[in-house]
Amino acid sequence: MAARALLLGWLSHYNQAVLTHRIEFSPDRDAAIFAEVPSSPAVYILRGDAGSEPYAGKSADLKRRLLRLLAPPETQSKRLNLRDRCRVIEYSRTGSDFESRFLLYQVLREAFPANYRDRLKLRFAPFIRLNLENPYPRAYVTRRIAKLPSKTVSRYYGPYPSRAGAERFLNLALDFFKMRRCDFDLDPDPAFPGCMYSEMKMCLAPCFKGCTDAEYTHEVARVRDFLETRGASLVRELEAQREQASQLLQFENAAALHTRMEKVNAMLGAALLPEIVHPVDRLRAVMVQPSAEKNSVAFFRVEAGVISGPIHFDPATEVQQDADATTTAATASKKSPPRSLESRIAECLEAAPLPQAASTLELNEHLALLKRWYYSSRHTGEIFFADERGALPLRRIVRAVGRVLKGEKAEVPDTDAAHRAYWLARTREEAP
């Protein structure tokens, strides 16, 4: 009973997936029902008698799918036919494949709480975890966020396209630091022989007290700054060392530091560190997707890795409403300057409810859906990430709205270079 109550409470916390259209199905009036259904992408669920299992799915052409499932069956056909079992059709039109997947995830989670992830073939995304709860922290790759991220517990960075990609980046990154890579709990003992990394001077060797606890804590802080700033902290550190070596006329040392910086910059390229990789609690973005509504786009908010939406936005309607408001103000002899499209988009996004994860399970699922869309070779729509201050690039979002409405290709800016340049400028300002 306790387990059942816990499950019901968990389900009740979620926003119920509401499909916008509902049709009572009867085989004797199927022609009229099929005429009412649109030939457009949609997510649907077919419900039968009480106690029977529903049938849910998504389709690029809802009418064609329902005709296949509910039309009179062909003689001796082995195709699935639910004509005599279906009593209710529920559906919602969608404007993009991502919207269809996200809505289908909500529908299946409600209808099949025991196995909806298997039905979606939803595999959790890989992350780098910096385990700060261990007395001697270490970093490793994981596919499950165990606790909601915060500044006082372990930190998570991702999502990466694959576990192999995350491990490759982490191994290359740790070559520039001396944090431990072993995976067992340490009980420091001066008699312990150490490992090959301590022999190669690539680890401070806390396992046999090769360093003090303060020294190891400082090294962990360097690794954390590196992951938090997407490598900019290490670039700034090497730049300062190179400049100091040049001032002391240590040109060979300066050349070696320059070579080291080139290796760091190559590691920080988009191939190994995609733009989507962020500290999970700071993963804030807006997705611009085609909308099922005419002349509109659909916004999806991402806040701390949690997705919400769609938020439909019609630029033409917004401009017309602003023009009407300006005319009314002018009639009343009040000056009312016209608002920019950026401000209207910002208002539209701020008016939507702030998404929050009910549990680590929900957070893992949303990040898995986001990772599946982002790394797909043929995904529609665009995504824009907030900067280090949490501000969204509204001007770029405005241009993306126009491209999505016209069906044009997305822009490919050098966001990695811009990100590192911001952090380098910021750390120089904060340097004593």
Protein backbone atom coordinates (compact mmCIF):
# COMPACT_ATOMS: atom_id res chain seq x y z
CA MET A 1 0.00 0.00 0.00
CA ALA A 2 2.84 2.36 0.83
CA ALA A 3 4.51 1.73 -2.54
CA ARG A 4 1.21 2.30 -4.35
CA ALA A 5 0.62 5.57 -2.47
CA LEU A 6 4.16 6.70 -3.34
CA LEU A 7 3.61 5.93 -7.03
CA LEU A 8 0.28 7.78 -7.10
CA GLY A 9 1.85 10.77 -5.37
CA TRP A 10 4.73 10.78 -7.87
CA LEU A 11 2.32 10.73 -10.80
CA SER A 12 0.07 13.43 -9.37
CA HIS A 13 3.02 15.86 -9.18
CA TYR A 14 3.46 15.88 -12.94
CA ASN A 15 1.50 18.16 -15.20
CA GLN A 16 -1.06 15.93 -16.81
CA ALA A 17 -0.54 15.69 -20.56
CA VAL A 18 -3.77 17.18 -21.96
CA LEU A 19 -4.51 16.31 -25.56
CA THR A 20 -6.57 19.14 -26.98
CA HIS A 21 -9.09 17.18 -29.08
CA ARG A 22 -11.42 14.36 -28.06
CA ILE A 23 -13.77 12.42 -30.37
CA GLU A 24 -16.16 9.64 -29.40
CA PHE A 25 -15.57 6.85 -31.93
CA SER A 26 -18.28 4.62 -33.31
CA PRO A 27 -17.80 2.30 -36.33
CA ASP A 28 -21.19 3.22 -37.76
CA ARG A 29 -20.19 6.86 -38.26
CA ASP A 30 -16.51 6.41 -39.07
CA ALA A 31 -16.70 8.40 -42.33
CA ALA A 32 -17.76 11.58 -40.54
CA ILE A 33 -15.09 11.06 -37.86
CA PHE A 34 -12.30 10.54 -40.40
CA ALA A 35 -13.41 13.68 -42.26
CA GLU A 36 -13.05 15.66 -39.02
CA VAL A 37 -9.49 14.46 -38.31
CA PRO A 38 -6.69 16.60 -39.86
CA SER A 39 -3.99 15.27 -42.17
CA SER A 40 -1.17 16.76 -40.12
CA PRO A 41 1.46 15.67 -37.58
CA ALA A 42 -0.05 14.81 -34.21
CA VAL A 43 0.21 12.76 -31.04
CA TYR A 44 -2.79 10.56 -30.32
CA ILE A 45 -4.16 7.99 -27.92
CA LEU A 46 -6.97 5.52 -28.59
CA ARG A 47 -8.96 4.43 -25.54
CA GLY A 48 -11.23 1.43 -25.26
CA ASP A 49 -13.52 0.14 -22.56
CA ALA A 50 -12.73 0.75 -18.90
CA GLY A 51 -9.80 -1.38 -17.79
CA SER A 52 -8.44 -1.94 -21.29
CA GLU A 53 -4.97 -0.79 -22.30
CA PRO A 54 -4.89 2.35 -24.49
CA TYR A 55 -2.90 2.66 -27.70
CA ALA A 56 -0.73 5.78 -28.08
CA GLY A 57 1.67 7.04 -30.71
CA LYS A 58 2.73 9.90 -32.97
CA SER A 59 2.28 10.29 -36.69
CA ALA A 60 3.26 12.65 -39.48
CA ASP A 61 -0.26 12.22 -40.92
CA LEU A 62 -2.91 11.61 -38.28
CA LYS A 63 -5.77 10.88 -40.69
CA ARG A 64 -3.76 8.26 -42.58
CA ARG A 65 -2.71 6.59 -39.31
CA LEU A 66 -6.27 6.44 -37.97
CA LEU A 67 -7.55 5.07 -41.26
CA ARG A 68 -5.02 2.26 -40.98
CA LEU A 69 -5.99 1.51 -37.37
CA LEU A 70 -9.75 2.10 -37.42
CA ALA A 71 -11.00 1.56 -41.00
CA PRO A 72 -12.71 -1.74 -41.85
CA PRO A 73 -9.95 -4.41 -42.00
CA GLU A 74 -8.95 -6.01 -45.24
CA THR A 75 -9.74 -9.67 -45.68
CA GLN A 76 -7.13 -11.95 -44.04
CA SER A 77 -4.95 -8.96 -43.21
CA LYS A 78 -2.53 -9.32 -40.26
CA ARG A 79 -2.32 -5.58 -39.64
CA LEU A 80 -3.29 -4.26 -36.21
CA ASN A 81 -6.91 -3.08 -36.30
CA LEU A 82 -8.64 -1.47 -33.31
CA ARG A 83 -11.96 -0.65 -34.96
CA ASP A 84 -14.05 -2.82 -32.64
CA ARG A 85 -12.13 -1.88 -29.48
CA CYS A 86 -11.67 1.88 -29.76
CA ARG A 87 -14.24 4.09 -28.01
CA VAL A 88 -12.44 7.45 -27.76
CA ILE A 89 -9.86 9.24 -29.91
CA GLU A 90 -7.74 11.93 -28.26
CA TYR A 91 -5.10 13.90 -30.14
CA SER A 92 -3.13 17.13 -30.36
CA ARG A 93 -1.58 18.57 -33.50
CA THR A 94 2.17 19.23 -33.35
CA GLY A 95 4.49 21.38 -35.40
CA SER A 96 7.81 19.53 -35.13
CA ASP A 97 9.29 16.15 -34.39
CA PHE A 98 10.65 17.42 -31.06
CA GLU A 99 7.20 18.62 -29.98
CA SER A 100 5.77 15.24 -30.97
CA ARG A 101 8.39 13.36 -28.94
CA PHE A 102 8.00 15.60 -25.91
CA LEU A 103 4.20 15.35 -25.93
CA LEU A 104 4.30 11.60 -26.55
CA TYR A 105 6.66 11.27 -23.57
CA GLN A 106 4.09 13.04 -21.38
CA VAL A 107 1.22 10.92 -22.71
CA LEU A 108 3.05 7.61 -22.28
CA ARG A 109 4.29 8.55 -18.81
CA GLU A 110 0.68 9.08 -17.76
CA ALA A 111 -0.77 6.02 -19.52
CA PHE A 112 2.06 3.53 -18.89
CA PRO A 113 3.93 4.55 -15.72
CA ALA A 114 5.64 1.17 -15.42
CA ASN A 115 7.37 0.99 -18.82
CA TYR A 116 7.03 4.30 -20.66
CA ARG A 117 10.83 4.69 -20.99
CA ASP A 118 11.07 1.30 -22.70
CA ARG A 119 8.30 2.28 -25.12
CA LEU A 120 10.16 5.49 -25.96
CA LYS A 121 13.55 3.73 -26.07
CA LEU A 122 14.73 6.53 -23.83
CA ARG A 123 18.34 6.15 -22.72
CA PHE A 124 19.80 8.57 -20.21
CA ALA A 125 22.47 10.98 -21.45
CA PRO A 126 26.12 10.75 -20.32
CA PHE A 127 27.57 13.39 -17.99
CA ILE A 128 30.83 14.13 -16.26
CA ARG A 129 30.33 13.98 -12.50
CA LEU A 130 32.70 15.78 -10.15
CA ASN A 131 32.07 13.91 -6.91
CA LEU A 132 32.58 16.53 -4.22
CA GLU A 133 31.02 14.36 -1.50
CA ASN A 134 34.08 12.11 -1.35
CA PRO A 135 36.87 13.20 1.02
CA TYR A 136 39.20 12.97 -1.99
CA PRO A 137 37.01 14.10 -4.93
CA ARG A 138 37.39 12.67 -8.40
CA ALA A 139 35.67 13.07 -11.79
CA TYR A 140 34.14 10.29 -13.84
CA VAL A 141 31.45 9.66 -16.46
CA THR A 142 27.94 8.60 -15.47
CA ARG A 143 24.55 8.23 -17.12
CA ARG A 144 22.42 9.03 -14.09
CA ILE A 145 22.17 12.19 -12.03
CA ALA A 146 21.78 10.89 -8.49
CA LYS A 147 20.85 14.17 -6.79
CA LEU A 148 19.46 17.46 -7.99
CA PRO A 149 22.60 19.55 -8.66
CA SER A 150 23.64 22.30 -6.24
CA LYS A 151 26.85 24.03 -5.21
CA THR A 152 27.25 21.89 -2.10
CA VAL A 153 27.02 18.41 -3.64
CA SER A 154 28.43 16.74 -6.72
CA ARG A 155 28.51 18.73 -9.94
CA TYR A 156 27.31 17.39 -13.29
CA TYR A 157 28.42 18.61 -16.73
CA GLY A 158 26.80 17.62 -20.01
CA PRO A 159 25.01 16.17 -21.82
CA TYR A 160 27.63 14.63 -24.11
CA PRO A 161 26.78 12.77 -27.34
CA SER A 162 28.09 9.44 -26.03
CA ARG A 163 29.84 7.88 -23.07
CA ALA A 164 32.97 7.42 -25.19
CA GLY A 165 32.94 11.12 -26.11
CA ALA A 166 32.60 12.18 -22.47
CA GLU A 167 35.41 9.85 -21.39
CA ARG A 168 37.68 11.08 -24.15
CA PHE A 169 37.18 14.73 -23.17
CA LEU A 170 37.63 13.97 -19.47
CA ASN A 171 40.83 11.99 -20.01
CA LEU A 172 42.30 14.78 -22.16
CA ALA A 173 41.27 17.41 -19.61
CA LEU A 174 42.76 15.56 -16.63
CA ASP A 175 46.13 15.46 -18.40
CA PHE A 176 46.41 19.16 -17.51
CA PHE A 177 45.72 18.58 -13.83
CA LYS A 178 46.94 16.31 -11.04
CA MET A 179 43.65 15.10 -9.60
CA ARG A 180 43.34 11.38 -8.96
CA ARG A 181 41.77 9.04 -11.52
CA CYS A 182 41.48 5.89 -9.40
CA ASP A 183 37.96 4.69 -8.66
CA PHE A 184 38.26 3.31 -5.11
CA ASP A 185 37.87 5.00 -1.74
CA LEU A 186 41.20 6.16 -0.42
CA ASP A 187 42.68 5.31 2.95
CA PRO A 188 45.95 7.25 2.73
CA ASP A 189 48.92 5.14 3.78
CA PRO A 190 52.58 6.16 3.27
CA ALA A 191 53.38 2.48 2.61
CA PHE A 192 51.07 2.35 -0.42
CA PRO A 193 53.15 2.04 -3.64
CA GLY A 194 50.98 4.38 -5.72
CA CYS A 195 50.15 3.97 -9.42
CA MET A 196 51.57 4.87 -12.80
CA TYR A 197 50.05 8.38 -12.70
CA SER A 198 51.91 9.21 -9.51
CA GLU A 199 55.10 7.75 -11.03
CA MET A 200 54.65 10.04 -14.07
CA LYS A 201 53.97 13.05 -11.81
CA MET A 202 50.43 13.30 -13.20
CA CYS A 203 48.74 12.88 -9.82
CA LEU A 204 49.35 14.46 -6.44
CA ALA A 205 49.10 10.94 -4.98
CA PRO A 206 46.87 11.47 -1.94
CA CYS A 207 46.77 7.65 -1.67
CA PHE A 208 50.21 7.62 0.04
CA LYS A 209 50.15 11.19 1.39
CA GLY A 210 52.12 12.56 -1.54
CA CYS A 211 50.43 15.91 -0.86
CA THR A 212 48.58 17.64 1.91
CA ASP A 213 44.79 17.75 2.00
CA ALA A 214 44.90 21.50 1.31
CA GLU A 215 47.01 20.97 -1.81
CA TYR A 216 44.60 18.34 -3.13
CA THR A 217 41.60 20.56 -2.38
CA HIS A 218 43.23 23.37 -4.34
CA GLU A 219 43.77 21.05 -7.34
CA VAL A 220 40.14 19.91 -7.22
CA ALA A 221 39.09 23.59 -7.23
CA ARG A 222 41.15 24.13 -10.40
CA VAL A 223 39.39 21.21 -12.08
CA ARG A 224 36.01 22.53 -11.00
CA ASP A 225 36.78 26.00 -12.38
CA PHE A 226 37.87 24.39 -15.64
CA LEU A 227 34.57 22.51 -16.01
CA GLU A 228 32.43 25.42 -14.85
CA THR A 229 33.99 27.85 -17.34
CA ARG A 230 34.28 25.37 -20.24
CA GLY A 231 38.09 25.56 -20.07
CA ALA A 232 38.50 29.35 -19.99
CA SER A 233 40.06 29.30 -16.50
CA LEU A 234 42.89 27.05 -17.69
CA VAL A 235 43.48 29.18 -20.80
CA ARG A 236 43.73 32.28 -18.61
CA GLU A 237 46.14 30.52 -16.26
CA LEU A 238 48.42 29.40 -19.10
CA GLU A 239 48.30 32.87 -20.68
CA ALA A 240 49.49 34.44 -17.43
CA GLN A 241 52.32 31.90 -17.10
CA ARG A 242 53.38 32.43 -20.71
CA GLU A 243 53.41 36.21 -20.31
CA GLN A 244 55.45 35.95 -17.13
CA ALA A 245 57.97 33.63 -18.80
CA SER A 246 58.32 36.08 -21.69
CA GLN A 247 58.94 38.98 -19.33
CA LEU A 248 61.67 36.95 -17.59
CA LEU A 249 63.21 36.16 -21.02
CA GLN A 250 62.51 32.43 -20.52
CA PHE A 251 61.64 31.95 -24.16
CA GLU A 252 61.89 28.17 -24.22
CA ASN A 253 59.47 27.93 -21.31
CA ALA A 254 57.18 30.46 -23.01
CA ALA A 255 57.22 28.39 -26.21
CA ALA A 256 56.37 25.24 -24.25
CA LEU A 257 53.45 27.03 -22.57
CA HIS A 258 52.24 28.26 -25.96
CA THR A 259 52.26 24.69 -27.28
CA ARG A 260 50.34 23.62 -24.19
CA MET A 261 47.76 26.33 -24.84
CA GLU A 262 47.30 25.14 -28.41
CA LYS A 263 46.55 21.65 -27.09
CA VAL A 264 43.99 23.09 -24.67
CA ASN A 265 42.28 25.12 -27.40
CA ALA A 266 42.13 22.05 -29.64
CA MET A 267 40.54 20.09 -26.79
CA LEU A 268 37.96 22.83 -26.23
CA GLY A 269 36.74 22.76 -29.83
CA ALA A 270 33.13 21.90 -30.67
CA ALA A 271 34.09 18.34 -31.64
CA LEU A 272 34.99 17.44 -28.04
CA LEU A 273 33.08 20.11 -26.12
CA PRO A 274 29.71 20.80 -27.82
CA GLU A 275 27.85 24.03 -27.07
CA ILE A 276 25.14 22.21 -25.13
CA VAL A 277 27.62 20.98 -22.49
CA HIS A 278 27.02 23.07 -19.36
CA PRO A 279 26.82 22.63 -15.61
CA VAL A 280 23.37 21.07 -15.39
CA ASP A 281 22.04 23.59 -12.88
CA ARG A 282 23.04 26.39 -15.28
CA LEU A 283 21.73 24.77 -18.47
CA ARG A 284 19.30 27.51 -19.56
CA ALA A 285 18.14 27.80 -23.15
CA VAL A 286 15.26 28.51 -25.52
CA MET A 287 14.36 26.22 -28.41
CA VAL A 288 12.62 27.70 -31.47
CA GLN A 289 10.49 25.11 -33.23
CA PRO A 290 7.88 25.17 -36.02
CA SER A 291 4.37 25.45 -34.62
CA ALA A 292 1.16 23.67 -35.52
CA GLU A 293 -0.53 27.08 -35.51
CA LYS A 294 -0.39 29.11 -38.71
CA ASN A 295 2.31 31.81 -39.01
CA SER A 296 3.63 30.98 -35.53
CA VAL A 297 6.64 29.39 -33.88
CA ALA A 298 6.76 27.30 -30.71
CA PHE A 299 9.19 28.16 -27.91
CA PHE A 300 10.41 25.52 -25.47
CA ARG A 301 12.13 26.76 -22.32
CA VAL A 302 15.00 24.85 -20.74
CA GLU A 303 15.70 25.81 -17.13
CA ALA A 304 18.34 23.83 -15.20
CA GLY A 305 17.89 21.03 -17.74
CA VAL A 306 14.08 20.84 -17.41
CA ILE A 307 11.95 21.43 -20.52
CA SER A 308 8.59 23.20 -20.68
CA GLY A 309 6.36 24.27 -23.54
CA PRO A 310 5.26 24.72 -26.21
CA ILE A 311 4.76 28.48 -25.98
CA HIS A 312 3.21 29.65 -29.26
CA PHE A 313 4.33 33.01 -30.62
CA ASP A 314 2.89 34.82 -33.66
CA PRO A 315 5.16 37.75 -34.63
CA ALA A 316 2.56 39.35 -36.92
CA THR A 317 -0.11 39.33 -34.22
CA GLU A 318 2.30 40.77 -31.66
CA VAL A 319 3.26 43.61 -34.02
CA GLN A 320 -0.39 44.36 -34.77
CA GLN A 321 -1.31 44.42 -31.08
CA ASP A 322 1.58 46.78 -30.39
CA ALA A 323 0.45 49.05 -33.25
CA ASP A 324 -3.11 49.13 -31.90
CA ALA A 325 -1.81 49.98 -28.42
CA THR A 326 0.34 52.78 -29.86
CA THR A 327 -2.64 54.20 -31.77
CA THR A 328 -4.80 54.11 -28.65
CA ALA A 329 -2.12 55.87 -26.63
CA ALA A 330 -1.70 58.53 -29.30
CA THR A 331 -5.44 59.15 -29.30
CA ALA A 332 -5.28 59.65 -25.55
CA SER A 333 -2.39 62.13 -26.03
CA LYS A 334 0.05 59.84 -24.27
CA LYS A 335 3.43 58.94 -25.69
CA SER A 336 3.97 55.19 -25.90
CA PRO A 337 7.11 54.16 -27.79
CA PRO A 338 6.77 50.97 -29.84
CA ARG A 339 8.28 47.89 -28.28
CA SER A 340 10.90 45.81 -30.02
CA LEU A 341 10.32 42.21 -31.01
CA GLU A 342 13.04 41.23 -28.53
CA SER A 343 11.06 42.68 -25.63
CA ARG A 344 7.86 40.94 -26.77
CA ILE A 345 9.66 37.59 -26.96
CA ALA A 346 11.15 38.17 -23.50
CA GLU A 347 7.67 38.93 -22.11
CA CYS A 348 6.26 35.83 -23.79
CA LEU A 349 8.93 33.63 -22.22
CA GLU A 350 8.72 35.23 -18.78
CA ALA A 351 4.94 34.83 -18.71
CA ALA A 352 5.27 31.04 -19.04
CA PRO A 353 5.55 28.97 -15.84
CA LEU A 354 9.10 28.29 -14.69
CA PRO A 355 9.88 24.60 -15.23
CA GLN A 356 11.22 22.71 -12.24
CA ALA A 357 12.22 19.08 -11.83
CA ALA A 358 10.01 17.10 -9.45
CA SER A 359 12.72 14.47 -9.06
CA THR A 360 16.07 13.39 -10.41
CA LEU A 361 14.21 10.86 -12.58
CA GLU A 362 12.31 13.61 -14.35
CA LEU A 363 15.51 15.64 -14.79
CA ASN A 364 17.31 12.64 -16.33
CA GLU A 365 14.40 12.05 -18.72
CA HIS A 366 14.20 15.65 -19.89
CA LEU A 367 17.95 15.79 -20.46
CA ALA A 368 17.73 12.52 -22.42
CA LEU A 369 15.05 14.02 -24.68
CA LEU A 370 17.09 17.19 -25.15
CA LYS A 371 20.24 15.21 -25.91
CA ARG A 372 18.42 13.02 -28.46
CA TRP A 373 17.17 16.08 -30.35
CA TYR A 374 20.38 18.13 -30.16
CA TYR A 375 22.72 15.42 -31.42
CA SER A 376 20.36 14.18 -34.14
CA SER A 377 21.87 14.60 -37.59
CA ARG A 378 18.61 15.98 -39.01
CA HIS A 379 16.78 17.94 -36.36
CA THR A 380 14.45 20.84 -37.03
CA GLY A 381 14.44 24.10 -35.15
CA GLU A 382 17.21 25.91 -33.28
CA ILE A 383 18.38 26.30 -29.70
CA PHE A 384 20.01 29.26 -27.97
CA PHE A 385 21.83 29.05 -24.65
CA ALA A 386 22.01 31.73 -21.98
CA ASP A 387 25.36 33.34 -21.25
CA GLU A 388 27.18 33.20 -17.93
CA ARG A 389 24.93 35.93 -16.50
CA GLY A 390 21.81 33.95 -17.44
CA ALA A 391 20.81 36.34 -20.26
CA LEU A 392 19.36 34.88 -23.45
CA PRO A 393 20.57 36.12 -26.89
CA LEU A 394 17.23 37.72 -27.82
CA ARG A 395 18.49 39.32 -31.03
CA ARG A 396 19.64 35.95 -32.35
CA ILE A 397 16.33 34.40 -31.26
CA VAL A 398 14.45 37.04 -33.30
CA ARG A 399 16.44 36.13 -36.39
CA ALA A 400 15.82 32.44 -35.71
CA VAL A 401 12.05 33.05 -35.55
CA GLY A 402 12.21 34.41 -39.10
CA ARG A 403 14.29 31.47 -40.32
CA VAL A 404 12.00 28.89 -38.72
CA LEU A 405 8.90 30.55 -40.21
CA LYS A 406 10.54 30.49 -43.66
CA GLY A 407 11.98 26.99 -43.26
CA GLU A 408 15.56 28.19 -43.70
CA LYS A 409 18.71 26.57 -42.30
CA ALA A 410 20.03 27.52 -38.88
CA GLU A 411 23.03 29.78 -38.41
CA VAL A 412 26.27 28.23 -37.15
CA PRO A 413 28.01 30.86 -34.96
CA ASP A 414 31.38 30.30 -33.27
CA THR A 415 29.78 30.25 -29.83
CA ASP A 416 32.63 28.29 -28.23
CA ALA A 417 35.13 31.04 -29.04
CA ALA A 418 32.71 33.72 -27.82
CA HIS A 419 32.14 31.82 -24.58
CA ARG A 420 35.83 31.47 -23.83
CA ALA A 421 36.48 35.12 -24.77
CA TYR A 422 33.86 36.22 -22.25
CA TRP A 423 35.41 34.17 -19.47
CA LEU A 424 38.93 35.29 -20.31
CA ALA A 425 37.85 38.95 -20.15
CA ARG A 426 36.02 38.34 -16.89
CA THR A 427 38.92 36.52 -15.20
CA ARG A 428 41.35 39.23 -16.30
CA GLU A 429 39.10 41.83 -14.67
CA GLU A 430 38.97 39.82 -11.44
CA ALA A 431 42.73 39.16 -11.36
CA PRO A 432 44.59 41.10 -8.62
